[in-house]
Amino acid sequence: MFAEIPVRNGILKRIYPVGERIKKIHRVMEHTAHNRNARVMASADASIHFRLLGVLPLLFFLLQGIHYWRIGELGNMLWMCNIGNLMLAFGLFFENAMLIRVSVLWMIPGLVVWFIYVVWAWGVFFSSTLAHVGGIIIAILALKRVGMDSTAWLYAVGWYLVAQVLSRFLTAPALNVNVAHAIDPGWQLTFNSYWKFWLVLTSAVAIALWLLGLILWKIFPVRTARNPIQSG
């Protein structure tokens, strides 16, 4: 009986380290699971906040719509900078990176055109300022997360062509939305045909979007590992 005691002690000495190792492994697994769950929760929270950001450009778009409805010029809602807020809102709501990228590519030149043709000529309007200045701020914040890729400018050109067709058939010629009806007054002495003007303008737009996309691609490259948002 007493001879069994050393044997049992030897067995216990062997079992004890194994048990400690199992406990350590269990603690490590619990810690890893906790960290994983925390990351998932943080990612889910970030996704919700990102989607909710889309409320702002949607609000900017609706305020512009109310403004143009009051003055009887709803057709102006199809200007690239105005409709861009709606596109940005959908891009944020559905976490669609390409919609966000295209909206950014159009909001930047839209801001310049707005300043020259609206602010410089007519002054500052509340809803218009929100749509252009507020819209581009939200767009850049979104772009910092999704990044710019090398093909977004092609989609931006395609969207421009679609908007041109819609503007030509759905808006009044007097508004000349997106210059889809007539030569811009500043270029009437240079071009004697609208379609020559349109061809030059479209070529210039494509080149400008390509250059802008290239610059934004360098500043905000896509980081695939950190960016789970769908691209198309």
C-alpha atoms as a PDB file:
ATOM      1  CA  MET A   1       0.000   0.000   0.000  1.00  0.00           C
ATOM      2  CA  PHE A   2       2.771   2.408   0.943  1.00  0.00           C
ATOM      3  CA  ALA A   3       4.641   1.433  -2.217  1.00  0.00           C
ATOM      4  CA  GLU A   4       1.782   2.831  -4.294  1.00  0.00           C
ATOM      5  CA  ILE A   5       2.232   6.352  -2.851  1.00  0.00           C
ATOM      6  CA  PRO A   6       5.434   7.227  -4.810  1.00  0.00           C
ATOM      7  CA  VAL A   7       3.837   5.843  -7.943  1.00  0.00           C
ATOM      8  CA  ARG A   8       0.777   8.010  -7.482  1.00  0.00           C
ATOM      9  CA  ASN A   9       2.945  11.052  -6.729  1.00  0.00           C
ATOM     10  CA  GLY A  10       4.915  10.441  -9.918  1.00  0.00           C
ATOM     11  CA  ILE A  11       1.732  10.195 -11.940  1.00  0.00           C
ATOM     12  CA  LEU A  12       0.390  13.371 -10.373  1.00  0.00           C
ATOM     13  CA  LYS A  13       3.615  15.206 -11.144  1.00  0.00           C
ATOM     14  CA  ARG A  14       3.234  14.243 -14.777  1.00  0.00           C
ATOM     15  CA  ILE A  15      -0.464  15.074 -14.951  1.00  0.00           C
ATOM     16  CA  TYR A  16      -0.161  18.474 -13.215  1.00  0.00           C
ATOM     17  CA  PRO A  17       1.927  20.240 -15.974  1.00  0.00           C
ATOM     18  CA  VAL A  18      -0.406  18.847 -18.609  1.00  0.00           C
ATOM     19  CA  GLY A  19      -3.392  20.258 -16.744  1.00  0.00           C
ATOM     20  CA  GLU A  20      -1.695  23.643 -16.432  1.00  0.00           C
ATOM     21  CA  ARG A  21      -0.967  23.685 -20.140  1.00  0.00           C
ATOM     22  CA  ILE A  22      -4.591  22.860 -20.913  1.00  0.00           C
ATOM     23  CA  LYS A  23      -5.694  25.725 -18.669  1.00  0.00           C
ATOM     24  CA  LYS A  24      -3.285  28.107 -20.401  1.00  0.00           C
ATOM     25  CA  ILE A  25      -4.502  27.007 -23.835  1.00  0.00           C
ATOM     26  CA  HIS A  26      -8.099  27.468 -22.682  1.00  0.00           C
ATOM     27  CA  ARG A  27      -7.333  30.994 -21.404  1.00  0.00           C
ATOM     28  CA  VAL A  28      -5.599  31.880 -24.685  1.00  0.00           C
ATOM     29  CA  MET A  29      -8.571  30.560 -26.683  1.00  0.00           C
ATOM     30  CA  GLU A  30     -11.003  32.556 -24.534  1.00  0.00           C
ATOM     31  CA  HIS A  31      -8.905  35.697 -24.972  1.00  0.00           C
ATOM     32  CA  THR A  32      -8.686  35.156 -28.746  1.00  0.00           C
ATOM     33  CA  ALA A  33     -12.447  34.588 -29.013  1.00  0.00           C
ATOM     34  CA  HIS A  34     -13.099  37.705 -26.941  1.00  0.00           C
ATOM     35  CA  ASN A  35     -10.832  39.799 -29.181  1.00  0.00           C
ATOM     36  CA  ARG A  36     -12.448  38.353 -32.302  1.00  0.00           C
ATOM     37  CA  ASN A  37     -15.918  39.147 -31.010  1.00  0.00           C
ATOM     38  CA  ALA A  38     -14.804  42.656 -30.063  1.00  0.00           C
ATOM     39  CA  ARG A  39     -13.429  43.204 -33.581  1.00  0.00           C
ATOM     40  CA  VAL A  40     -16.648  41.908 -35.150  1.00  0.00           C
ATOM     41  CA  MET A  41     -18.740  44.188 -32.955  1.00  0.00           C
ATOM     42  CA  ALA A  42     -16.500  47.184 -33.715  1.00  0.00           C
ATOM     43  CA  SER A  43     -16.688  46.409 -37.446  1.00  0.00           C
ATOM     44  CA  ALA A  44     -20.488  46.138 -37.259  1.00  0.00           C
ATOM     45  CA  ASP A  45     -20.712  49.458 -35.416  1.00  0.00           C
ATOM     46  CA  ALA A  46     -18.427  51.127 -37.967  1.00  0.00           C
ATOM     47  CA  SER A  47     -20.557  49.729 -40.797  1.00  0.00           C
ATOM     48  CA  ILE A  48     -23.754  51.103 -39.242  1.00  0.00           C
ATOM     49  CA  HIS A  49     -22.191  54.534 -38.723  1.00  0.00           C
ATOM     50  CA  PHE A  50     -20.895  54.482 -42.301  1.00  0.00           C
ATOM     51  CA  ARG A  51     -24.351  53.688 -43.675  1.00  0.00           C
ATOM     52  CA  LEU A  52     -26.010  56.356 -41.528  1.00  0.00           C
ATOM     53  CA  LEU A  53     -23.644  58.905 -43.036  1.00  0.00           C
ATOM     54  CA  GLY A  54     -25.735  58.549 -46.196  1.00  0.00           C
ATOM     55  CA  VAL A  55     -28.572  60.432 -44.514  1.00  0.00           C
ATOM     56  CA  LEU A  56     -26.678  63.714 -44.960  1.00  0.00           C
ATOM     57  CA  PRO A  57     -26.216  63.714 -48.768  1.00  0.00           C
ATOM     58  CA  LEU A  58     -29.811  62.489 -49.098  1.00  0.00           C
ATOM     59  CA  LEU A  59     -30.917  65.465 -46.996  1.00  0.00           C
ATOM     60  CA  PHE A  60     -28.801  67.824 -49.141  1.00  0.00           C
ATOM     61  CA  PHE A  61     -30.429  66.403 -52.277  1.00  0.00           C
ATOM     62  CA  LEU A  62     -33.951  66.796 -50.876  1.00  0.00           C
ATOM     63  CA  LEU A  63     -33.300  70.390 -49.779  1.00  0.00           C
ATOM     64  CA  GLN A  64     -32.093  71.210 -53.285  1.00  0.00           C
ATOM     65  CA  GLY A  65     -35.224  69.566 -54.651  1.00  0.00           C
ATOM     66  CA  ILE A  66     -37.441  71.730 -52.444  1.00  0.00           C
ATOM     67  CA  HIS A  67     -35.561  74.844 -53.568  1.00  0.00           C
ATOM     68  CA  TYR A  68     -35.953  74.050 -57.275  1.00  0.00           C
ATOM     69  CA  TRP A  69     -39.557  72.946 -56.838  1.00  0.00           C
ATOM     70  CA  ARG A  70     -40.398  76.336 -55.326  1.00  0.00           C
ATOM     71  CA  ILE A  71     -38.935  78.211 -58.285  1.00  0.00           C
ATOM     72  CA  GLY A  72     -40.319  75.799 -60.888  1.00  0.00           C
ATOM     73  CA  GLU A  73     -36.961  74.426 -62.067  1.00  0.00           C
ATOM     74  CA  LEU A  74     -36.920  70.806 -60.898  1.00  0.00           C
ATOM     75  CA  GLY A  75     -34.986  69.870 -64.020  1.00  0.00           C
ATOM     76  CA  ASN A  76     -31.882  71.349 -62.406  1.00  0.00           C
ATOM     77  CA  MET A  77     -31.844  68.370 -60.061  1.00  0.00           C
ATOM     78  CA  LEU A  78     -30.240  66.368 -62.873  1.00  0.00           C
ATOM     79  CA  TRP A  79     -27.064  68.444 -62.844  1.00  0.00           C
ATOM     80  CA  MET A  80     -24.167  66.099 -62.097  1.00  0.00           C
ATOM     81  CA  CYS A  81     -23.349  67.799 -58.802  1.00  0.00           C
ATOM     82  CA  ASN A  82     -26.947  67.619 -57.556  1.00  0.00           C
ATOM     83  CA  ILE A  83     -27.698  64.047 -58.599  1.00  0.00           C
ATOM     84  CA  GLY A  84     -24.266  63.161 -57.229  1.00  0.00           C
ATOM     85  CA  ASN A  85     -25.581  63.599 -53.688  1.00  0.00           C
ATOM     86  CA  LEU A  86     -28.283  61.021 -54.343  1.00  0.00           C
ATOM     87  CA  MET A  87     -25.706  58.640 -55.792  1.00  0.00           C
ATOM     88  CA  LEU A  88     -23.456  59.186 -52.766  1.00  0.00           C
ATOM     89  CA  ALA A  89     -26.364  58.493 -50.409  1.00  0.00           C
ATOM     90  CA  PHE A  90     -27.130  55.184 -52.140  1.00  0.00           C
ATOM     91  CA  GLY A  91     -23.422  54.314 -52.148  1.00  0.00           C
ATOM     92  CA  LEU A  92     -23.268  54.818 -48.389  1.00  0.00           C
ATOM     93  CA  PHE A  93     -26.585  53.102 -47.614  1.00  0.00           C
ATOM     94  CA  PHE A  94     -25.624  49.992 -49.603  1.00  0.00           C
ATOM     95  CA  GLU A  95     -21.862  50.264 -48.928  1.00  0.00           C
ATOM     96  CA  ASN A  96     -21.173  50.303 -52.662  1.00  0.00           C
ATOM     97  CA  ALA A  97     -17.661  51.603 -53.235  1.00  0.00           C
ATOM     98  CA  MET A  98     -18.070  52.330 -56.952  1.00  0.00           C
ATOM     99  CA  LEU A  99     -21.095  54.578 -56.428  1.00  0.00           C
ATOM    100  CA  ILE A 100     -19.105  56.510 -53.835  1.00  0.00           C
ATOM    101  CA  ARG A 101     -16.093  56.842 -56.136  1.00  0.00           C
ATOM    102  CA  VAL A 102     -18.149  58.054 -59.090  1.00  0.00           C
ATOM    103  CA  SER A 103     -19.954  60.614 -56.939  1.00  0.00           C
ATOM    104  CA  VAL A 104     -16.609  61.934 -55.655  1.00  0.00           C
ATOM    105  CA  LEU A 105     -15.216  62.212 -59.180  1.00  0.00           C
ATOM    106  CA  TRP A 106     -18.164  64.397 -60.162  1.00  0.00           C
ATOM    107  CA  MET A 107     -18.511  66.424 -56.982  1.00  0.00           C
ATOM    108  CA  ILE A 108     -15.004  67.872 -57.194  1.00  0.00           C
ATOM    109  CA  PRO A 109     -15.388  69.458 -60.672  1.00  0.00           C
ATOM    110  CA  GLY A 110     -19.012  70.214 -59.733  1.00  0.00           C
ATOM    111  CA  LEU A 111     -17.779  72.348 -56.861  1.00  0.00           C
ATOM    112  CA  VAL A 112     -15.586  74.373 -59.234  1.00  0.00           C
ATOM    113  CA  VAL A 113     -18.388  74.827 -61.793  1.00  0.00           C
ATOM    114  CA  TRP A 114     -20.833  75.780 -59.025  1.00  0.00           C
ATOM    115  CA  PHE A 115     -18.495  78.430 -57.676  1.00  0.00           C
ATOM    116  CA  ILE A 116     -17.880  79.986 -61.106  1.00  0.00           C
ATOM    117  CA  TYR A 117     -21.425  79.874 -62.505  1.00  0.00           C
ATOM    118  CA  VAL A 118     -23.526  80.194 -59.331  1.00  0.00           C
ATOM    119  CA  VAL A 119     -21.607  81.744 -56.441  1.00  0.00           C
ATOM    120  CA  TRP A 120     -19.643  84.168 -58.613  1.00  0.00           C
ATOM    121  CA  ALA A 121     -22.722  85.221 -60.580  1.00  0.00           C
ATOM    122  CA  TRP A 122     -25.624  84.922 -58.107  1.00  0.00           C
ATOM    123  CA  GLY A 123     -24.175  84.579 -54.628  1.00  0.00           C
ATOM    124  CA  VAL A 124     -24.507  81.878 -51.981  1.00  0.00           C
ATOM    125  CA  PHE A 125     -27.710  79.899 -51.377  1.00  0.00           C
ATOM    126  CA  PHE A 126     -28.192  77.713 -48.297  1.00  0.00           C
ATOM    127  CA  SER A 127     -29.370  74.508 -49.978  1.00  0.00           C
ATOM    128  CA  SER A 128     -26.891  74.901 -52.824  1.00  0.00           C
ATOM    129  CA  THR A 129     -24.002  75.363 -50.391  1.00  0.00           C
ATOM    130  CA  LEU A 130     -25.017  72.246 -48.471  1.00  0.00           C
ATOM    131  CA  ALA A 131     -25.280  70.234 -51.684  1.00  0.00           C
ATOM    132  CA  HIS A 132     -21.865  71.260 -52.984  1.00  0.00           C
ATOM    133  CA  VAL A 133     -19.678  71.988 -49.964  1.00  0.00           C
ATOM    134  CA  GLY A 134     -21.397  69.588 -47.557  1.00  0.00           C
ATOM    135  CA  GLY A 135     -21.659  66.916 -50.219  1.00  0.00           C
ATOM    136  CA  ILE A 136     -17.981  66.970 -51.078  1.00  0.00           C
ATOM    137  CA  ILE A 137     -16.981  66.810 -47.399  1.00  0.00           C
ATOM    138  CA  ILE A 138     -19.061  63.665 -46.889  1.00  0.00           C
ATOM    139  CA  ALA A 139     -17.762  62.247 -50.175  1.00  0.00           C
ATOM    140  CA  ILE A 140     -14.113  62.665 -49.176  1.00  0.00           C
ATOM    141  CA  LEU A 141     -14.767  61.128 -45.757  1.00  0.00           C
ATOM    142  CA  ALA A 142     -16.349  58.128 -47.486  1.00  0.00           C
ATOM    143  CA  LEU A 143     -13.535  57.911 -50.031  1.00  0.00           C
ATOM    144  CA  LYS A 144     -10.952  57.730 -47.243  1.00  0.00           C
ATOM    145  CA  ARG A 145     -12.549  54.445 -46.232  1.00  0.00           C
ATOM    146  CA  VAL A 146     -13.294  52.824 -49.601  1.00  0.00           C
ATOM    147  CA  GLY A 147     -10.346  54.240 -51.553  1.00  0.00           C
ATOM    148  CA  MET A 148     -10.132  55.093 -55.246  1.00  0.00           C
ATOM    149  CA  ASP A 149      -9.286  52.519 -57.886  1.00  0.00           C
ATOM    150  CA  SER A 150      -7.895  52.882 -61.397  1.00  0.00           C
ATOM    151  CA  THR A 151     -11.176  52.165 -63.233  1.00  0.00           C
ATOM    152  CA  ALA A 152     -13.634  54.464 -61.451  1.00  0.00           C
ATOM    153  CA  TRP A 153     -13.127  57.235 -64.012  1.00  0.00           C
ATOM    154  CA  LEU A 154     -14.566  54.969 -66.731  1.00  0.00           C
ATOM    155  CA  TYR A 155     -17.738  54.508 -64.703  1.00  0.00           C
ATOM    156  CA  ALA A 156     -17.826  58.272 -64.134  1.00  0.00           C
ATOM    157  CA  VAL A 157     -17.671  58.868 -67.901  1.00  0.00           C
ATOM    158  CA  GLY A 158     -20.406  56.294 -68.446  1.00  0.00           C
ATOM    159  CA  TRP A 159     -22.598  57.970 -65.831  1.00  0.00           C
ATOM    160  CA  TYR A 160     -21.985  61.320 -67.546  1.00  0.00           C
ATOM    161  CA  LEU A 161     -23.273  59.932 -70.845  1.00  0.00           C
ATOM    162  CA  VAL A 162     -26.362  58.496 -69.137  1.00  0.00           C
ATOM    163  CA  ALA A 163     -27.015  61.826 -67.403  1.00  0.00           C
ATOM    164  CA  GLN A 164     -26.635  63.630 -70.746  1.00  0.00           C
ATOM    165  CA  VAL A 165     -29.335  61.464 -72.324  1.00  0.00           C
ATOM    166  CA  LEU A 166     -31.655  61.886 -69.330  1.00  0.00           C
ATOM    167  CA  SER A 167     -31.088  65.645 -69.284  1.00  0.00           C
ATOM    168  CA  ARG A 168     -31.789  65.969 -72.985  1.00  0.00           C
ATOM    169  CA  PHE A 169     -35.096  64.096 -72.843  1.00  0.00           C
ATOM    170  CA  LEU A 170     -36.378  64.969 -69.365  1.00  0.00           C
ATOM    171  CA  THR A 171     -35.435  68.618 -68.838  1.00  0.00           C
ATOM    172  CA  ALA A 172     -36.435  71.898 -70.478  1.00  0.00           C
ATOM    173  CA  PRO A 173     -34.036  73.161 -73.188  1.00  0.00           C
ATOM    174  CA  ALA A 174     -34.021  76.575 -71.508  1.00  0.00           C
ATOM    175  CA  LEU A 175     -32.271  75.085 -68.464  1.00  0.00           C
ATOM    176  CA  ASN A 176     -29.613  73.398 -70.623  1.00  0.00           C
ATOM    177  CA  VAL A 177     -28.891  70.941 -67.812  1.00  0.00           C
ATOM    178  CA  ASN A 178     -25.448  69.349 -68.154  1.00  0.00           C
ATOM    179  CA  VAL A 179     -25.134  71.345 -71.403  1.00  0.00           C
ATOM    180  CA  ALA A 180     -27.240  68.630 -73.044  1.00  0.00           C
ATOM    181  CA  HIS A 181     -29.327  70.921 -75.273  1.00  0.00           C
ATOM    182  CA  ALA A 182     -27.177  73.736 -76.601  1.00  0.00           C
ATOM    183  CA  ILE A 183     -23.688  75.195 -76.742  1.00  0.00           C
ATOM    184  CA  ASP A 184     -22.724  76.972 -73.545  1.00  0.00           C
ATOM    185  CA  PRO A 185     -23.052  80.764 -74.113  1.00  0.00           C
ATOM    186  CA  GLY A 186     -19.357  81.267 -73.488  1.00  0.00           C
ATOM    187  CA  TRP A 187     -18.429  78.980 -76.408  1.00  0.00           C
ATOM    188  CA  GLN A 188     -20.952  79.986 -79.059  1.00  0.00           C
ATOM    189  CA  LEU A 189     -18.372  82.006 -81.006  1.00  0.00           C
ATOM    190  CA  THR A 190     -15.951  79.066 -81.018  1.00  0.00           C
ATOM    191  CA  PHE A 191     -18.317  76.335 -82.243  1.00  0.00           C
ATOM    192  CA  ASN A 192     -20.865  76.548 -85.031  1.00  0.00           C
ATOM    193  CA  SER A 193     -22.357  73.122 -84.315  1.00  0.00           C
ATOM    194  CA  TYR A 194     -23.641  71.701 -81.048  1.00  0.00           C
ATOM    195  CA  TRP A 195     -22.364  68.219 -81.829  1.00  0.00           C
ATOM    196  CA  LYS A 196     -18.829  69.497 -82.442  1.00  0.00           C
ATOM    197  CA  PHE A 197     -19.052  71.280 -79.105  1.00  0.00           C
ATOM    198  CA  TRP A 198     -20.427  68.130 -77.457  1.00  0.00           C
ATOM    199  CA  LEU A 199     -17.627  65.956 -78.851  1.00  0.00           C
ATOM    200  CA  VAL A 200     -14.912  68.325 -77.607  1.00  0.00           C
ATOM    201  CA  LEU A 201     -16.643  68.723 -74.244  1.00  0.00           C
ATOM    202  CA  THR A 202     -17.054  64.971 -73.767  1.00  0.00           C
ATOM    203  CA  SER A 203     -13.409  64.363 -74.688  1.00  0.00           C
ATOM    204  CA  ALA A 204     -12.298  67.055 -72.218  1.00  0.00           C
ATOM    205  CA  VAL A 205     -14.554  65.562 -69.527  1.00  0.00           C
ATOM    206  CA  ALA A 206     -13.088  62.085 -70.058  1.00  0.00           C
ATOM    207  CA  ILE A 207      -9.510  63.382 -69.829  1.00  0.00           C
ATOM    208  CA  ALA A 208     -10.294  65.469 -66.736  1.00  0.00           C
ATOM    209  CA  LEU A 209     -11.963  62.514 -64.990  1.00  0.00           C
ATOM    210  CA  TRP A 210      -9.018  60.265 -65.827  1.00  0.00           C
ATOM    211  CA  LEU A 211      -6.524  62.763 -64.383  1.00  0.00           C
ATOM    212  CA  LEU A 212      -8.646  63.371 -61.294  1.00  0.00           C
ATOM    213  CA  GLY A 213      -9.117  59.640 -60.773  1.00  0.00           C
ATOM    214  CA  LEU A 214      -5.356  59.112 -61.081  1.00  0.00           C
ATOM    215  CA  ILE A 215      -4.649  61.798 -58.464  1.00  0.00           C
ATOM    216  CA  LEU A 216      -7.234  60.426 -56.044  1.00  0.00           C
ATOM    217  CA  TRP A 217      -5.947  56.902 -56.651  1.00  0.00           C
ATOM    218  CA  LYS A 218      -2.497  58.040 -55.500  1.00  0.00           C
ATOM    219  CA  ILE A 219      -3.899  59.852 -52.449  1.00  0.00           C
ATOM    220  CA  PHE A 220      -6.567  57.312 -51.433  1.00  0.00           C
ATOM    221  CA  PRO A 221      -5.505  53.893 -52.771  1.00  0.00           C
ATOM    222  CA  VAL A 222      -7.736  50.906 -52.155  1.00  0.00           C
ATOM    223  CA  ARG A 223      -6.625  48.804 -49.179  1.00  0.00           C
ATOM    224  CA  THR A 224      -8.330  45.504 -49.859  1.00  0.00           C
ATOM    225  CA  ALA A 225      -7.431  43.874 -46.537  1.00  0.00           C
ATOM    226  CA  ARG A 226      -9.081  46.678 -44.601  1.00  0.00           C
ATOM    227  CA  ASN A 227     -11.903  47.387 -46.987  1.00  0.00           C
ATOM    228  CA  PRO A 228     -14.733  44.826 -46.998  1.00  0.00           C
ATOM    229  CA  ILE A 229     -17.071  47.161 -48.875  1.00  0.00           C
ATOM    230  CA  GLN A 230     -18.265  45.858 -52.216  1.00  0.00           C
ATOM    231  CA  SER A 231     -16.801  47.542 -55.271  1.00  0.00           C
ATOM    232  CA  GLY A 232     -19.656  47.047 -57.661  1.00  0.00           C
END
